[in-house]
Amino acid sequence: MDAVRSGAYGQLFRPDNFVFGQSGAGNNWAKGHYTEGAELVDAVLDVVRKECENCDCLQGFQLTHSLGGGTGSGMGTLLISKIREEYPDRIMNTYSVVPSPKVSDTVVEPYNAVLSIHQLVENTDETYCIDNEALYDICYRTLKVPNPTYGDLNHLVSLTMSGVTTCLRFPGQLNADLRKLAVNMVPFPRLHFFMPGFAPLTSRGSQQYRALTVPELTQQMFDAKNMMAACDPRHGRYLTVAAIFRGRMSMKEVDEQMLSIQNKNSSFFVEWIPNNVKTAVCDIPPKGLKMSSTFIGNTTAIQELFKRISEQFTAMFRRKAFLHWYTGEGMDEMEFNEAESNVNDLVSEYQQYQEATAEDDTEFDQEDMEELAQDEHHD
């Protein structure tokens, strides 16, 4: 807190908008959601309410948090549900850092993450899944940063956030606000977990030596290596995509490139949502770049990320490992069961829409179901 206050941007924040408690949640979701965090949440809501009252046309809320710890995950989701109660018709946007085995802090991350996703499925309109593993890989492989620090990882997140909110902050040729973005991106209410990407990838403090062309930007932006979530988009299909280009460039060229990508890779876009790629262009590039593009994909491949966490969750939960830390804060095993099955349902829903085609009726009749059951036994 004090680092932010005394840092370069400390003056941007109102002094009374810093809210802090005396204790952390100790990587325990239950502490953040039910005990320690619950004590602090009213103070936070007061500050939020004051800010909302100063708005003439409140669009919604953005929350940045991690899902692996106790505070970001437990208290973060508590805050979301409280804000949802008070402002049910406003957009709720989260930038959620999903834990990954490669860059792991604590052993109970899968518990905290599954309990959080259980909340996010129900209570947010748009969630950008940012994955430390993917950020780490980008720093290490693409940017050749030998020992990436959290500062390097955060730099990448900031580029993405800046790109997503461009349309809200600058006048552009095609302006999407949070609500329009949600309308265009979310075909089914539960499937609102997006995979963000960015091009060109630059490391902190580096200058770009040559401006990229629009084809290069587009190519990079759809490349799996540029995704901020450790899932391979080629393993799934895009339900919807939003691309935000920044800088001086020709709209015609942008449209041509985006069409060309879709035509060449048509099998990776579901055919039952025609025109499912939306492009916005803003004239003002981010600092230090001539042009850039931000990618937001709603792809069924994001199920890989949920599967990974769910498997780790189940491995521990089957043995009831570490559960006493949670039950000690008043939680019930039932809540774990519900969260687990909700996340597994989410994975199945993504899979169902990945396999759906324009012709078939997704309503199976009884015989099909029986055949499916038999096939599974044969496998």
Protein backbone atom coordinates (compact mmCIF):
# COMPACT_ATOMS: atom_id res chain seq x y z
CA MET A 1 0.00 0.00 0.00
CA ASP A 2 2.67 2.47 1.03
CA ALA A 3 4.72 1.54 -2.03
CA VAL A 4 1.79 2.56 -4.24
CA ARG A 5 1.20 5.72 -2.27
CA SER A 6 4.81 6.85 -2.44
CA GLY A 7 5.30 5.55 -6.00
CA ALA A 8 5.22 7.45 -9.27
CA TYR A 9 1.42 7.26 -9.51
CA GLY A 10 0.63 7.81 -5.83
CA GLN A 11 -0.97 11.19 -6.51
CA LEU A 12 -3.59 9.60 -8.78
CA PHE A 13 -5.41 8.02 -5.85
CA ARG A 14 -7.51 9.79 -3.26
CA PRO A 15 -5.86 9.21 0.12
CA ASP A 16 -9.11 7.96 1.67
CA ASN A 17 -9.49 5.41 -1.14
CA PHE A 18 -6.81 3.23 0.41
CA VAL A 19 -8.55 0.59 2.50
CA PHE A 20 -6.51 -1.96 4.39
CA GLY A 21 -6.84 -4.45 7.22
CA GLN A 22 -4.29 -5.48 9.79
CA SER A 23 -4.07 -9.12 8.73
CA GLY A 24 -3.88 -11.03 5.48
CA ALA A 25 -6.03 -14.00 4.58
CA GLY A 26 -3.03 -16.32 4.75
CA ASN A 27 -3.73 -17.91 1.37
CA ASN A 28 -7.03 -19.12 2.78
CA TRP A 29 -10.12 -18.48 0.65
CA ALA A 30 -12.42 -18.96 3.62
CA LYS A 31 -10.62 -16.25 5.57
CA GLY A 32 -10.94 -13.82 2.68
CA HIS A 33 -14.54 -14.68 1.91
CA TYR A 34 -16.07 -15.35 5.31
CA THR A 35 -14.00 -14.08 8.22
CA GLU A 36 -11.13 -11.60 7.79
CA GLY A 37 -12.29 -10.25 4.42
CA ALA A 38 -15.91 -9.98 5.51
CA GLU A 39 -14.87 -7.59 8.28
CA LEU A 40 -13.23 -5.27 5.80
CA VAL A 41 -15.68 -5.47 2.94
CA ASP A 42 -18.09 -2.82 4.24
CA ALA A 43 -15.31 -0.25 4.43
CA VAL A 44 -14.43 -1.05 0.81
CA LEU A 45 -18.06 -0.78 -0.27
CA ASP A 46 -18.31 2.68 1.33
CA VAL A 47 -15.40 3.89 -0.76
CA VAL A 48 -16.86 2.27 -3.89
CA ARG A 49 -20.23 3.86 -3.19
CA LYS A 50 -18.66 7.33 -2.86
CA GLU A 51 -16.91 6.90 -6.20
CA CYS A 52 -20.12 5.69 -7.86
CA GLU A 53 -22.00 8.72 -6.61
CA ASN A 54 -19.50 10.93 -8.43
CA CYS A 55 -20.25 9.24 -11.76
CA ASP A 56 -22.74 10.74 -14.15
CA CYS A 57 -23.14 7.51 -16.08
CA LEU A 58 -21.66 4.53 -14.30
CA GLN A 59 -20.76 1.72 -16.73
CA GLY A 60 -19.51 -0.86 -14.36
CA PHE A 61 -16.64 -2.14 -12.27
CA GLN A 62 -13.24 -3.63 -12.92
CA LEU A 63 -11.50 -5.83 -10.41
CA THR A 64 -7.95 -7.10 -10.64
CA HIS A 65 -7.21 -10.06 -8.41
CA SER A 66 -5.50 -13.41 -8.28
CA LEU A 67 -7.42 -16.63 -7.76
CA GLY A 68 -4.63 -18.54 -6.04
CA GLY A 69 -4.29 -16.63 -2.77
CA GLY A 70 -6.77 -15.90 -0.03
CA THR A 71 -7.48 -12.19 -0.29
CA GLY A 72 -7.75 -11.67 -4.05
CA SER A 73 -9.76 -14.82 -4.45
CA GLY A 74 -11.86 -14.96 -1.28
CA MET A 75 -12.38 -11.30 -0.55
CA GLY A 76 -12.34 -10.41 -4.25
CA THR A 77 -15.30 -12.68 -4.98
CA LEU A 78 -17.07 -11.47 -1.83
CA LEU A 79 -16.68 -7.90 -3.06
CA ILE A 80 -18.04 -8.86 -6.48
CA SER A 81 -21.17 -10.42 -5.02
CA LYS A 82 -21.74 -7.44 -2.71
CA ILE A 83 -21.33 -4.95 -5.58
CA ARG A 84 -23.59 -7.16 -7.70
CA GLU A 85 -26.26 -6.93 -5.00
CA GLU A 86 -26.08 -3.15 -4.91
CA TYR A 87 -25.63 -2.47 -8.63
CA PRO A 88 -27.29 -5.44 -10.34
CA ASP A 89 -27.54 -3.80 -13.76
CA ARG A 90 -23.93 -2.59 -14.06
CA ILE A 91 -21.22 -4.51 -15.87
CA MET A 92 -18.80 -6.50 -13.73
CA ASN A 93 -15.41 -7.05 -15.31
CA THR A 94 -12.56 -8.98 -13.73
CA TYR A 95 -8.92 -9.51 -14.62
CA SER A 96 -8.29 -12.76 -12.84
CA VAL A 97 -4.82 -14.22 -12.51
CA VAL A 98 -5.23 -17.97 -12.57
CA PRO A 99 -2.71 -20.08 -10.66
CA SER A 100 -0.41 -22.37 -12.53
CA PRO A 101 1.80 -25.23 -11.35
CA LYS A 102 4.90 -23.73 -12.99
CA VAL A 103 4.72 -20.44 -11.11
CA SER A 104 3.21 -21.59 -7.84
CA ASP A 105 3.31 -19.88 -4.47
CA THR A 106 1.20 -22.16 -2.31
CA VAL A 107 -0.06 -25.68 -2.28
CA VAL A 108 -3.74 -24.78 -1.77
CA GLU A 109 -4.01 -22.68 -4.95
CA PRO A 110 -6.35 -25.18 -6.66
CA TYR A 111 -8.82 -24.97 -3.75
CA ASN A 112 -8.85 -21.18 -3.76
CA ALA A 113 -9.15 -21.04 -7.55
CA VAL A 114 -12.04 -23.51 -7.85
CA LEU A 115 -13.95 -21.78 -5.04
CA SER A 116 -13.42 -18.48 -6.87
CA ILE A 117 -14.37 -19.70 -10.34
CA HIS A 118 -17.56 -21.06 -8.78
CA GLN A 119 -18.35 -17.43 -7.87
CA LEU A 120 -17.13 -15.84 -11.09
CA VAL A 121 -19.32 -18.07 -13.25
CA GLU A 122 -22.39 -16.68 -11.54
CA ASN A 123 -21.44 -13.09 -10.76
CA THR A 124 -19.31 -11.54 -13.50
CA ASP A 125 -20.10 -10.39 -17.03
CA GLU A 126 -16.59 -10.63 -18.43
CA THR A 127 -13.55 -12.31 -16.91
CA TYR A 128 -10.12 -12.06 -18.52
CA CYS A 129 -8.18 -15.15 -17.59
CA ILE A 130 -4.56 -14.23 -17.14
CA ASP A 131 -2.23 -17.04 -16.40
CA ASN A 132 1.12 -16.62 -14.66
CA GLU A 133 2.48 -19.57 -16.59
CA ALA A 134 1.69 -17.94 -19.93
CA LEU A 135 3.12 -14.60 -18.77
CA TYR A 136 6.23 -16.36 -17.55
CA ASP A 137 6.67 -18.14 -20.89
CA ILE A 138 6.23 -14.89 -22.80
CA CYS A 139 8.90 -13.18 -20.69
CA TYR A 140 11.27 -16.10 -20.84
CA ARG A 141 10.87 -17.36 -24.40
CA THR A 142 9.68 -14.41 -26.44
CA LEU A 143 11.19 -11.46 -24.59
CA LYS A 144 14.30 -13.39 -23.44
CA VAL A 145 14.09 -12.04 -19.89
CA PRO A 146 16.37 -14.46 -17.99
CA ASN A 147 14.67 -14.26 -14.56
CA PRO A 148 11.22 -12.72 -14.94
CA THR A 149 10.02 -10.85 -11.85
CA TYR A 150 6.42 -10.05 -10.93
CA GLY A 151 7.16 -6.58 -12.31
CA ASP A 152 7.83 -8.09 -15.75
CA LEU A 153 4.67 -10.20 -15.57
CA ASN A 154 2.61 -7.22 -14.45
CA HIS A 155 3.94 -5.18 -17.35
CA LEU A 156 2.30 -7.65 -19.74
CA VAL A 157 -0.98 -7.55 -17.82
CA SER A 158 -0.94 -3.77 -17.93
CA LEU A 159 -0.53 -3.79 -21.71
CA THR A 160 -3.57 -6.03 -22.04
CA MET A 161 -5.71 -4.04 -19.61
CA SER A 162 -4.75 -0.85 -21.33
CA GLY A 163 -5.77 -2.36 -24.67
CA VAL A 164 -9.12 -3.62 -23.43
CA THR A 165 -10.06 -0.28 -21.90
CA THR A 166 -8.79 1.76 -24.87
CA CYS A 167 -12.26 2.05 -26.30
CA LEU A 168 -13.59 3.49 -23.07
CA ARG A 169 -10.84 6.05 -22.73
CA PHE A 170 -10.33 7.44 -26.22
CA PRO A 171 -12.59 8.49 -29.04
CA GLY A 172 -12.06 6.02 -31.88
CA GLN A 173 -13.58 4.87 -35.11
CA LEU A 174 -15.52 2.00 -33.63
CA ASN A 175 -16.15 2.44 -29.95
CA ALA A 176 -17.13 -0.47 -27.81
CA ASP A 177 -18.06 0.15 -24.21
CA LEU A 178 -18.02 -2.59 -21.58
CA ARG A 179 -21.64 -3.47 -22.22
CA LYS A 180 -21.30 -3.62 -26.00
CA LEU A 181 -18.22 -5.76 -25.58
CA ALA A 182 -20.20 -8.14 -23.34
CA VAL A 183 -23.09 -8.26 -25.80
CA ASN A 184 -20.77 -9.16 -28.64
CA MET A 185 -18.55 -11.56 -26.73
CA VAL A 186 -20.85 -13.65 -24.56
CA PRO A 187 -23.14 -16.03 -26.48
CA PHE A 188 -24.13 -17.96 -23.35
CA PRO A 189 -24.16 -16.29 -19.94
CA ARG A 190 -21.86 -18.77 -18.18
CA LEU A 191 -19.25 -18.78 -20.93
CA HIS A 192 -17.71 -15.38 -20.28
CA PHE A 193 -14.09 -16.34 -19.65
CA PHE A 194 -11.82 -14.71 -22.22
CA MET A 195 -8.30 -15.38 -23.34
CA PRO A 196 -6.45 -12.09 -23.79
CA GLY A 197 -3.51 -11.52 -26.11
CA PHE A 198 -1.33 -8.63 -27.21
CA ALA A 199 0.96 -7.66 -30.04
CA PRO A 200 3.70 -6.58 -30.39
CA LEU A 201 5.17 -8.06 -27.21
CA THR A 202 7.83 -5.78 -25.75
CA SER A 203 9.73 -5.99 -22.50
CA ARG A 204 9.69 -3.27 -19.87
CA GLY A 205 11.56 -0.13 -20.79
CA SER A 206 12.43 -1.34 -24.28
CA GLN A 207 11.71 0.76 -27.33
CA GLN A 208 10.41 -0.75 -30.50
CA TYR A 209 12.86 -0.23 -33.32
CA ARG A 210 10.55 -0.69 -36.27
CA ALA A 211 6.84 -0.31 -36.66
CA LEU A 212 5.01 -3.53 -37.40
CA THR A 213 2.76 -3.78 -40.42
CA VAL A 214 -0.93 -4.56 -40.02
CA PRO A 215 -0.51 -8.13 -41.38
CA GLU A 216 2.29 -8.76 -38.85
CA LEU A 217 0.20 -7.40 -35.99
CA THR A 218 -2.75 -9.56 -36.96
CA GLN A 219 -0.57 -12.63 -37.40
CA GLN A 220 1.11 -12.15 -34.01
CA MET A 221 -2.12 -11.39 -32.24
CA PHE A 222 -3.68 -14.74 -33.17
CA ASP A 223 -0.50 -16.65 -32.38
CA ALA A 224 -0.75 -19.02 -29.41
CA LYS A 225 2.57 -17.66 -28.08
CA ASN A 226 0.99 -14.23 -27.61
CA MET A 227 -1.89 -15.48 -25.45
CA MET A 228 -1.91 -14.52 -21.79
CA ALA A 229 -3.57 -17.79 -20.78
CA ALA A 230 -1.70 -21.09 -21.00
CA CYS A 231 -4.18 -22.74 -23.37
CA ASP A 232 -3.68 -23.48 -27.03
CA PRO A 233 -6.44 -21.88 -29.11
CA ARG A 234 -5.82 -24.54 -31.78
CA HIS A 235 -7.22 -27.12 -29.36
CA GLY A 236 -10.62 -25.43 -29.37
CA ARG A 237 -12.80 -23.14 -31.43
CA TYR A 238 -13.54 -19.46 -31.12
CA LEU A 239 -17.11 -18.63 -30.20
CA THR A 240 -16.35 -14.91 -30.51
CA VAL A 241 -13.33 -12.64 -30.88
CA ALA A 242 -12.77 -8.94 -30.33
CA ALA A 243 -9.68 -7.22 -31.68
CA ILE A 244 -8.65 -3.69 -30.76
CA PHE A 245 -6.08 -2.01 -32.98
CA ARG A 246 -4.31 1.15 -31.87
CA GLY A 247 -2.34 3.66 -33.89
CA ARG A 248 -2.59 5.27 -37.31
CA MET A 249 -3.49 2.58 -39.82
CA SER A 250 -5.88 1.96 -42.65
CA MET A 251 -9.25 0.53 -41.65
CA LYS A 252 -9.42 -1.21 -45.00
CA GLU A 253 -6.19 -3.08 -44.39
CA VAL A 254 -7.31 -4.09 -40.88
CA ASP A 255 -10.60 -5.47 -42.21
CA GLU A 256 -8.85 -7.35 -45.02
CA GLN A 257 -6.37 -8.95 -42.63
CA MET A 258 -9.04 -9.95 -40.14
CA LEU A 259 -11.11 -11.52 -42.93
CA SER A 260 -8.10 -13.32 -44.31
CA ILE A 261 -7.33 -14.86 -40.90
CA GLN A 262 -10.91 -16.07 -40.59
CA ASN A 263 -10.95 -17.55 -44.08
CA LYS A 264 -7.63 -19.35 -43.68
CA ASN A 265 -8.54 -20.73 -40.25
CA SER A 266 -12.28 -21.13 -40.64
CA SER A 267 -12.31 -24.48 -38.82
CA PHE A 268 -11.23 -22.67 -35.63
CA PHE A 269 -14.28 -20.40 -35.60
CA VAL A 270 -17.71 -21.86 -34.85
CA GLU A 271 -19.80 -21.61 -38.00
CA TRP A 272 -23.09 -21.20 -36.17
CA ILE A 273 -22.22 -17.63 -35.11
CA PRO A 274 -21.63 -15.77 -38.36
CA ASN A 275 -19.48 -12.60 -38.21
CA ASN A 276 -18.19 -13.55 -34.78
CA VAL A 277 -15.07 -11.39 -35.01
CA LYS A 278 -15.44 -7.76 -34.03
CA THR A 279 -12.76 -5.15 -34.66
CA ALA A 280 -12.28 -1.73 -33.11
CA VAL A 281 -9.67 0.83 -34.10
CA CYS A 282 -8.38 3.66 -31.96
CA ASP A 283 -6.10 6.40 -33.32
CA ILE A 284 -3.95 6.78 -30.23
CA PRO A 285 -1.28 4.09 -29.74
CA PRO A 286 0.06 3.10 -26.31
CA LYS A 287 3.17 4.84 -25.04
CA GLY A 288 6.33 3.78 -26.81
CA LEU A 289 4.63 1.98 -29.72
CA LYS A 290 3.56 3.18 -33.16
CA MET A 291 0.78 0.64 -33.39
CA SER A 292 -0.45 -2.26 -31.31
CA SER A 293 -3.32 -4.69 -31.14
CA THR A 294 -5.13 -6.32 -28.27
CA PHE A 295 -6.87 -9.64 -28.68
CA ILE A 296 -9.83 -10.92 -26.68
CA GLY A 297 -10.95 -14.42 -27.55
CA ASN A 298 -13.86 -16.40 -26.20
CA THR A 299 -12.52 -19.81 -27.10
CA THR A 300 -13.58 -23.27 -25.98
CA ALA A 301 -9.87 -24.03 -25.46
CA ILE A 302 -10.07 -22.13 -22.16
CA GLN A 303 -11.50 -25.37 -20.78
CA GLU A 304 -7.90 -26.66 -20.63
CA LEU A 305 -7.19 -24.12 -17.92
CA PHE A 306 -10.25 -25.09 -15.87
CA LYS A 307 -9.52 -28.79 -16.37
CA ARG A 308 -5.99 -28.35 -15.10
CA ILE A 309 -7.14 -26.62 -11.92
CA SER A 310 -10.03 -29.00 -11.39
CA GLU A 311 -7.76 -32.04 -11.61
CA GLN A 312 -5.40 -30.59 -9.02
CA PHE A 313 -8.39 -29.72 -6.84
CA THR A 314 -9.80 -33.25 -7.02
CA ALA A 315 -6.45 -34.85 -6.24
CA MET A 316 -6.28 -33.03 -2.91
CA PHE A 317 -9.99 -33.00 -2.12
CA ARG A 318 -10.27 -36.76 -2.55
CA ARG A 319 -7.90 -37.08 0.39
CA LYS A 320 -9.45 -34.11 2.19
CA ALA A 321 -5.96 -32.60 2.38
CA PHE A 322 -5.71 -29.13 3.97
CA LEU A 323 -9.48 -29.01 4.42
CA HIS A 324 -9.27 -28.23 8.14
CA TRP A 325 -7.97 -24.73 7.34
CA TYR A 326 -11.23 -24.05 5.54
CA THR A 327 -13.69 -25.85 7.79
CA GLY A 328 -12.03 -24.09 10.73
CA GLU A 329 -13.27 -20.79 9.28
CA GLY A 330 -16.81 -22.16 9.19
CA MET A 331 -16.93 -23.63 5.70
CA ASP A 332 -18.67 -26.86 4.86
CA GLU A 333 -17.43 -29.66 2.61
CA MET A 334 -20.68 -29.28 0.69
CA GLU A 335 -19.44 -25.97 -0.64
CA PHE A 336 -16.35 -27.68 -2.03
CA ASN A 337 -18.51 -30.28 -3.74
CA GLU A 338 -20.71 -27.62 -5.32
CA ALA A 339 -17.75 -25.60 -6.55
CA GLU A 340 -16.10 -28.69 -8.00
CA SER A 341 -19.18 -29.76 -9.91
CA ASN A 342 -19.85 -26.21 -11.14
CA VAL A 343 -16.35 -25.99 -12.63
CA ASN A 344 -16.71 -29.44 -14.18
CA ASP A 345 -20.04 -28.40 -15.69
CA LEU A 346 -18.35 -25.34 -17.15
CA VAL A 347 -15.76 -27.57 -18.84
CA SER A 348 -18.51 -29.78 -20.29
CA GLU A 349 -20.40 -26.76 -21.59
CA TYR A 350 -17.33 -25.52 -23.44
CA GLN A 351 -16.83 -29.01 -24.87
CA GLN A 352 -20.46 -29.22 -25.98
CA TYR A 353 -20.26 -25.97 -27.93
CA GLN A 354 -16.88 -26.91 -29.37
CA GLU A 355 -18.46 -29.98 -30.96
CA ALA A 356 -21.75 -28.33 -31.94
CA THR A 357 -22.34 -27.68 -35.64
CA ALA A 358 -24.86 -25.47 -37.39
CA GLU A 359 -27.03 -28.40 -38.51
CA ASP A 360 -27.26 -30.74 -35.56
CA ASP A 361 -29.80 -30.39 -32.80
CA THR A 362 -27.89 -30.46 -29.56
CA GLU A 363 -30.87 -32.16 -27.92
CA PHE A 364 -29.86 -35.81 -27.90
CA ASP A 365 -32.64 -38.35 -27.87
CA GLN A 366 -32.53 -41.30 -25.52
CA GLU A 367 -30.96 -43.73 -28.02
CA ASP A 368 -28.04 -41.41 -28.74
CA MET A 369 -27.40 -41.06 -25.04
CA GLU A 370 -27.35 -44.84 -24.60
CA GLU A 371 -24.99 -45.23 -27.56
CA LEU A 372 -22.72 -42.57 -26.11
CA ALA A 373 -22.67 -44.36 -22.78
CA GLN A 374 -21.74 -47.60 -24.49
CA ASP A 375 -19.02 -45.92 -26.56
CA GLU A 376 -17.49 -44.53 -23.41
CA HIS A 377 -17.33 -48.03 -21.91
CA HIS A 378 -15.56 -49.28 -25.05
CA ASP A 379 -12.96 -46.52 -24.83
